[in-house]
Structure formats: structure tokens, C-alpha cells
Amino acid sequence: MGPLTAAVTTINTPMPAGIDEGTLLACLKGDISEQKWRVYVQALFDEVDVSSLIMWCRPH
């Protein structure tokens, strides 16, 4: 499991509905700004370990 998949799994665990990797990436790039996804972006930074975020960011 890659770092992005692990992050999405962590984010989706407590949520009633899930976000997929493509939607999360689009939110981070600013391509999607719908209110319903903001809690997922916030959860990325609140719930996912910083080392996982760094591992994901390095190749990008």
C-alpha cells in the first residue's frame, strides 16, 4: 500500500462516506473546492502521520 492509499484509508475510516485518491488530489491542487470535501482535506493534515505525507510529497 502506497502512502497516498494509506492516507485515504486513514481519512475515510471515521467518515460516513469516503473520498477517493483522485478527488483528494484534485482538492489539494485546487481543482475541486466543494464544501463537502473540506473535512477530508482537514483530516489529511489532522489524522495522517507527517512522515506519510512527506513520503507522498517527495516524488511529486
PDB file of N, CA and C in Angstrom:
ATOM      1  N   MET A   1       0.863  -1.177   0.000  1.00  0.00           N
ATOM      2  CA  MET A   1       0.000   0.000   0.000  1.00  0.00           C
ATOM      3  C   MET A   1       0.904   1.234   0.000  1.00  0.00           C
ATOM      4  N   GLY A   2       0.655   2.130  -0.934  1.00  0.00           N
ATOM      5  CA  GLY A   2       1.439   3.354  -1.022  1.00  0.00           C
ATOM      6  C   GLY A   2       0.990   4.381  -0.005  1.00  0.00           C
ATOM      7  N   PRO A   3       1.772   5.448   0.165  1.00  0.00           N
ATOM      8  CA  PRO A   3       1.439   6.461   1.165  1.00  0.00           C
ATOM      9  C   PRO A   3       0.126   7.185   0.893  1.00  0.00           C
ATOM     10  N   LEU A   4      -0.224   7.405  -0.379  1.00  0.00           N
ATOM     11  CA  LEU A   4      -1.487   8.079  -0.671  1.00  0.00           C
ATOM     12  C   LEU A   4      -2.664   7.178  -0.333  1.00  0.00           C
ATOM     13  N   THR A   5      -2.568   5.902  -0.678  1.00  0.00           N
ATOM     14  CA  THR A   5      -3.625   4.947  -0.345  1.00  0.00           C
ATOM     15  C   THR A   5      -3.785   4.831   1.164  1.00  0.00           C
ATOM     16  N   ALA A   6      -2.674   4.779   1.873  1.00  0.00           N
ATOM     17  CA  ALA A   6      -2.726   4.712   3.335  1.00  0.00           C
ATOM     18  C   ALA A   6      -3.374   5.957   3.915  1.00  0.00           C
ATOM     19  N   ALA A   7      -3.046   7.116   3.354  1.00  0.00           N
ATOM     20  CA  ALA A   7      -3.636   8.369   3.841  1.00  0.00           C
ATOM     21  C   ALA A   7      -5.140   8.383   3.613  1.00  0.00           C
ATOM     22  N   VAL A   8      -5.577   7.981   2.423  1.00  0.00           N
ATOM     23  CA  VAL A   8      -7.012   7.965   2.112  1.00  0.00           C
ATOM     24  C   VAL A   8      -7.738   6.974   3.023  1.00  0.00           C
ATOM     25  N   THR A   9      -7.129   5.837   3.279  1.00  0.00           N
ATOM     26  CA  THR A   9      -7.730   4.855   4.183  1.00  0.00           C
ATOM     27  C   THR A   9      -7.889   5.435   5.579  1.00  0.00           C
ATOM     28  N   THR A  10      -6.875   6.128   6.057  1.00  0.00           N
ATOM     29  CA  THR A  10      -6.933   6.756   7.383  1.00  0.00           C
ATOM     30  C   THR A  10      -8.019   7.819   7.436  1.00  0.00           C
ATOM     31  N   ILE A  11      -8.090   8.638   6.404  1.00  0.00           N
ATOM     32  CA  ILE A  11      -9.090   9.703   6.354  1.00  0.00           C
ATOM     33  C   ILE A  11     -10.502   9.134   6.322  1.00  0.00           C
ATOM     34  N   ASN A  12     -10.707   8.092   5.535  1.00  0.00           N
ATOM     35  CA  ASN A  12     -12.050   7.542   5.332  1.00  0.00           C
ATOM     36  C   ASN A  12     -12.576   6.737   6.518  1.00  0.00           C
ATOM     37  N   THR A  13     -11.699   6.249   7.373  1.00  0.00           N
ATOM     38  CA  THR A  13     -12.121   5.357   8.457  1.00  0.00           C
ATOM     39  C   THR A  13     -13.241   5.934   9.329  1.00  0.00           C
ATOM     40  N   PRO A  14     -13.138   7.150   9.857  1.00  0.00           N
ATOM     41  CA  PRO A  14     -14.217   7.642  10.723  1.00  0.00           C
ATOM     42  C   PRO A  14     -15.369   8.324   9.973  1.00  0.00           C
ATOM     43  N   MET A  15     -15.265   8.440   8.659  1.00  0.00           N
ATOM     44  CA  MET A  15     -16.258   9.195   7.898  1.00  0.00           C
ATOM     45  C   MET A  15     -17.411   8.309   7.432  1.00  0.00           C
ATOM     46  N   PRO A  16     -18.614   8.882   7.333  1.00  0.00           N
ATOM     47  CA  PRO A  16     -19.758   8.104   6.855  1.00  0.00           C
ATOM     48  C   PRO A  16     -19.648   7.783   5.361  1.00  0.00           C
ATOM     49  N   ALA A  17     -18.992   8.627   4.610  1.00  0.00           N
ATOM     50  CA  ALA A  17     -18.748   8.398   3.184  1.00  0.00           C
ATOM     51  C   ALA A  17     -17.260   8.599   2.954  1.00  0.00           C
ATOM     52  N   GLY A  18     -16.756   8.108   1.847  1.00  0.00           N
ATOM     53  CA  GLY A  18     -15.322   8.192   1.616  1.00  0.00           C
ATOM     54  C   GLY A  18     -14.952   9.100   0.462  1.00  0.00           C
ATOM     55  N   ILE A  19     -13.690   9.463   0.437  1.00  0.00           N
ATOM     56  CA  ILE A  19     -13.111  10.228  -0.652  1.00  0.00           C
ATOM     57  C   ILE A  19     -12.135   9.298  -1.365  1.00  0.00           C
ATOM     58  N   ASP A  20     -12.026   9.431  -2.686  1.00  0.00           N
ATOM     59  CA  ASP A  20     -11.064   8.604  -3.401  1.00  0.00           C
ATOM     60  C   ASP A  20      -9.776   9.400  -3.622  1.00  0.00           C
ATOM     61  N   GLU A  21      -8.746   8.716  -4.050  1.00  0.00           N
ATOM     62  CA  GLU A  21      -7.439   9.351  -4.218  1.00  0.00           C
ATOM     63  C   GLU A  21      -7.488  10.497  -5.224  1.00  0.00           C
ATOM     64  N   GLY A  22      -8.174  10.286  -6.335  1.00  0.00           N
ATOM     65  CA  GLY A  22      -8.254  11.317  -7.363  1.00  0.00           C
ATOM     66  C   GLY A  22      -8.932  12.585  -6.878  1.00  0.00           C
ATOM     67  N   THR A  23      -9.999  12.424  -6.118  1.00  0.00           N
ATOM     68  CA  THR A  23     -10.720  13.582  -5.592  1.00  0.00           C
ATOM     69  C   THR A  23      -9.874  14.317  -4.561  1.00  0.00           C
ATOM     70  N   LEU A  24      -9.194  13.562  -3.709  1.00  0.00           N
ATOM     71  CA  LEU A  24      -8.322  14.196  -2.718  1.00  0.00           C
ATOM     72  C   LEU A  24      -7.217  14.991  -3.410  1.00  0.00           C
ATOM     73  N   LEU A  25      -6.601  14.418  -4.414  1.00  0.00           N
ATOM     74  CA  LEU A  25      -5.543  15.126  -5.148  1.00  0.00           C
ATOM     75  C   LEU A  25      -6.095  16.378  -5.822  1.00  0.00           C
ATOM     76  N   ALA A  26      -7.286  16.274  -6.401  1.00  0.00           N
ATOM     77  CA  ALA A  26      -7.900  17.437  -7.052  1.00  0.00           C
ATOM     78  C   ALA A  26      -8.189  18.536  -6.033  1.00  0.00           C
ATOM     79  N   CYS A  27      -8.602  18.157  -4.837  1.00  0.00           N
ATOM     80  CA  CYS A  27      -8.840  19.144  -3.779  1.00  0.00           C
ATOM     81  C   CYS A  27      -7.539  19.837  -3.394  1.00  0.00           C
ATOM     82  N   LEU A  28      -6.464  19.065  -3.259  1.00  0.00           N
ATOM     83  CA  LEU A  28      -5.174  19.636  -2.872  1.00  0.00           C
ATOM     84  C   LEU A  28      -4.617  20.557  -3.950  1.00  0.00           C
ATOM     85  N   LYS A  29      -4.896  20.243  -5.209  1.00  0.00           N
ATOM     86  CA  LYS A  29      -4.437  21.080  -6.318  1.00  0.00           C
ATOM     87  C   LYS A  29      -5.306  22.309  -6.515  1.00  0.00           C
ATOM     88  N   GLY A  30      -6.478  22.319  -5.892  1.00  0.00           N
ATOM     89  CA  GLY A  30      -7.393  23.444  -6.043  1.00  0.00           C
ATOM     90  C   GLY A  30      -8.354  23.288  -7.201  1.00  0.00           C
ATOM     91  N   ASP A  31      -8.365  22.111  -7.830  1.00  0.00           N
ATOM     92  CA  ASP A  31      -9.278  21.862  -8.944  1.00  0.00           C
ATOM     93  C   ASP A  31     -10.713  21.642  -8.474  1.00  0.00           C
ATOM     94  N   ILE A  32     -10.860  21.177  -7.245  1.00  0.00           N
ATOM     95  CA  ILE A  32     -12.173  20.962  -6.640  1.00  0.00           C
ATOM     96  C   ILE A  32     -12.198  21.734  -5.324  1.00  0.00           C
ATOM     97  N   SER A  33     -13.249  22.501  -5.104  1.00  0.00           N
ATOM     98  CA  SER A  33     -13.338  23.264  -3.855  1.00  0.00           C
ATOM     99  C   SER A  33     -14.717  23.132  -3.208  1.00  0.00           C
ATOM    100  N   GLU A  34     -15.402  22.037  -3.485  1.00  0.00           N
ATOM    101  CA  GLU A  34     -16.726  21.826  -2.898  1.00  0.00           C
ATOM    102  C   GLU A  34     -16.629  21.701  -1.377  1.00  0.00           C
ATOM    103  N   GLN A  35     -17.566  22.294  -0.708  1.00  0.00           N
ATOM    104  CA  GLN A  35     -17.614  22.304   0.759  1.00  0.00           C
ATOM    105  C   GLN A  35     -17.553  20.892   1.341  1.00  0.00           C
ATOM    106  N   LYS A  36     -18.216  19.937   0.701  1.00  0.00           N
ATOM    107  CA  LYS A  36     -18.305  18.589   1.283  1.00  0.00           C
ATOM    108  C   LYS A  36     -16.954  17.894   1.410  1.00  0.00           C
ATOM    109  N   TRP A  37     -15.954  18.316   0.637  1.00  0.00           N
ATOM    110  CA  TRP A  37     -14.644  17.668   0.696  1.00  0.00           C
ATOM    111  C   TRP A  37     -13.693  18.335   1.681  1.00  0.00           C
ATOM    112  N   ARG A  38     -14.034  19.482   2.197  1.00  0.00           N
ATOM    113  CA  ARG A  38     -13.110  20.212   3.076  1.00  0.00           C
ATOM    114  C   ARG A  38     -12.753  19.435   4.338  1.00  0.00           C
ATOM    115  N   VAL A  39     -13.712  18.724   4.886  1.00  0.00           N
ATOM    116  CA  VAL A  39     -13.441  17.953   6.102  1.00  0.00           C
ATOM    117  C   VAL A  39     -12.409  16.852   5.828  1.00  0.00           C
ATOM    118  N   TYR A  40     -12.388  16.332   4.616  1.00  0.00           N
ATOM    119  CA  TYR A  40     -11.420  15.299   4.253  1.00  0.00           C
ATOM    120  C   TYR A  40     -10.018  15.885   4.112  1.00  0.00           C
ATOM    121  N   VAL A  41      -9.925  17.063   3.526  1.00  0.00           N
ATOM    122  CA  VAL A  41      -8.629  17.731   3.402  1.00  0.00           C
ATOM    123  C   VAL A  41      -8.107  18.086   4.790  1.00  0.00           C
ATOM    124  N   GLN A  42      -8.972  18.576   5.641  1.00  0.00           N
ATOM    125  CA  GLN A  42      -8.570  18.884   7.019  1.00  0.00           C
ATOM    126  C   GLN A  42      -8.110  17.617   7.726  1.00  0.00           C
ATOM    127  N   ALA A  43      -8.836  16.525   7.533  1.00  0.00           N
ATOM    128  CA  ALA A  43      -8.465  15.257   8.169  1.00  0.00           C
ATOM    129  C   ALA A  43      -7.106  14.766   7.681  1.00  0.00           C
ATOM    130  N   LEU A  44      -6.765  15.054   6.432  1.00  0.00           N
ATOM    131  CA  LEU A  44      -5.457  14.666   5.917  1.00  0.00           C
ATOM    132  C   LEU A  44      -4.354  15.233   6.808  1.00  0.00           C
ATOM    133  N   PHE A  45      -4.486  16.492   7.158  1.00  0.00           N
ATOM    134  CA  PHE A  45      -3.451  17.137   7.958  1.00  0.00           C
ATOM    135  C   PHE A  45      -3.593  16.869   9.455  1.00  0.00           C
ATOM    136  N   ASP A  46      -4.809  16.544   9.897  1.00  0.00           N
ATOM    137  CA  ASP A  46      -5.037  16.264  11.319  1.00  0.00           C
ATOM    138  C   ASP A  46      -4.770  14.809  11.685  1.00  0.00           C
ATOM    139  N   GLU A  47      -5.101  13.881  10.800  1.00  0.00           N
ATOM    140  CA  GLU A  47      -5.114  12.459  11.134  1.00  0.00           C
ATOM    141  C   GLU A  47      -3.937  11.654  10.573  1.00  0.00           C
ATOM    142  N   VAL A  48      -3.365  12.117   9.476  1.00  0.00           N
ATOM    143  CA  VAL A  48      -2.320  11.335   8.812  1.00  0.00           C
ATOM    144  C   VAL A  48      -0.956  11.742   9.368  1.00  0.00           C
ATOM    145  N   ASP A  49      -0.141  10.757   9.649  1.00  0.00           N
ATOM    146  CA  ASP A  49       1.202  10.987  10.181  1.00  0.00           C
ATOM    147  C   ASP A  49       2.030  11.822   9.204  1.00  0.00           C
ATOM    148  N   VAL A  50       2.765  12.765   9.724  1.00  0.00           N
ATOM    149  CA  VAL A  50       3.558  13.672   8.902  1.00  0.00           C
ATOM    150  C   VAL A  50       4.554  12.908   8.021  1.00  0.00           C
ATOM    151  N   SER A  51       5.142  11.860   8.540  1.00  0.00           N
ATOM    152  CA  SER A  51       6.111  11.098   7.739  1.00  0.00           C
ATOM    153  C   SER A  51       5.449  10.482   6.510  1.00  0.00           C
ATOM    154  N   SER A  52       4.189  10.098   6.603  1.00  0.00           N
ATOM    155  CA  SER A  52       3.459   9.577   5.444  1.00  0.00           C
ATOM    156  C   SER A  52       3.234  10.675   4.411  1.00  0.00           C
ATOM    157  N   LEU A  53       2.914  11.873   4.884  1.00  0.00           N
ATOM    158  CA  LEU A  53       2.729  12.992   3.962  1.00  0.00           C
ATOM    159  C   LEU A  53       4.030  13.323   3.243  1.00  0.00           C
ATOM    160  N   ILE A  54       5.125  13.308   3.964  1.00  0.00           N
ATOM    161  CA  ILE A  54       6.429  13.604   3.360  1.00  0.00           C
ATOM    162  C   ILE A  54       6.788  12.532   2.329  1.00  0.00           C
ATOM    163  N   MET A  55       6.548  11.271   2.644  1.00  0.00           N
ATOM    164  CA  MET A  55       6.826  10.198   1.684  1.00  0.00           C
ATOM    165  C   MET A  55       6.013  10.375   0.415  1.00  0.00           C
ATOM    166  N   TRP A  56       4.775  10.805   0.549  1.00  0.00           N
ATOM    167  CA  TRP A  56       3.930  11.008  -0.620  1.00  0.00           C
ATOM    168  C   TRP A  56       4.379  12.226  -1.420  1.00  0.00           C
ATOM    169  N   CYS A  57       4.793  13.278  -0.749  1.00  0.00           N
ATOM    170  CA  CYS A  57       5.165  14.531  -1.418  1.00  0.00           C
ATOM    171  C   CYS A  57       6.490  14.456  -2.159  1.00  0.00           C
ATOM    172  N   ARG A  58       7.409  13.668  -1.688  1.00  0.00           N
ATOM    173  CA  ARG A  58       8.753  13.621  -2.284  1.00  0.00           C
ATOM    174  C   ARG A  58       8.728  13.393  -3.800  1.00  0.00           C
ATOM    175  N   PRO A  59       8.018  12.380  -4.315  1.00  0.00           N
ATOM    176  CA  PRO A  59       8.060  12.168  -5.758  1.00  0.00           C
ATOM    177  C   PRO A  59       7.246  13.198  -6.561  1.00  0.00           C
ATOM    178  N   HIS A  60       6.462  14.001  -5.882  1.00  0.00           N
ATOM    179  CA  HIS A  60       5.614  14.969  -6.595  1.00  0.00           C
ATOM    180  C   HIS A  60       6.273  16.316  -6.527  1.00  0.00           C
TER     181      HIS A  60
END
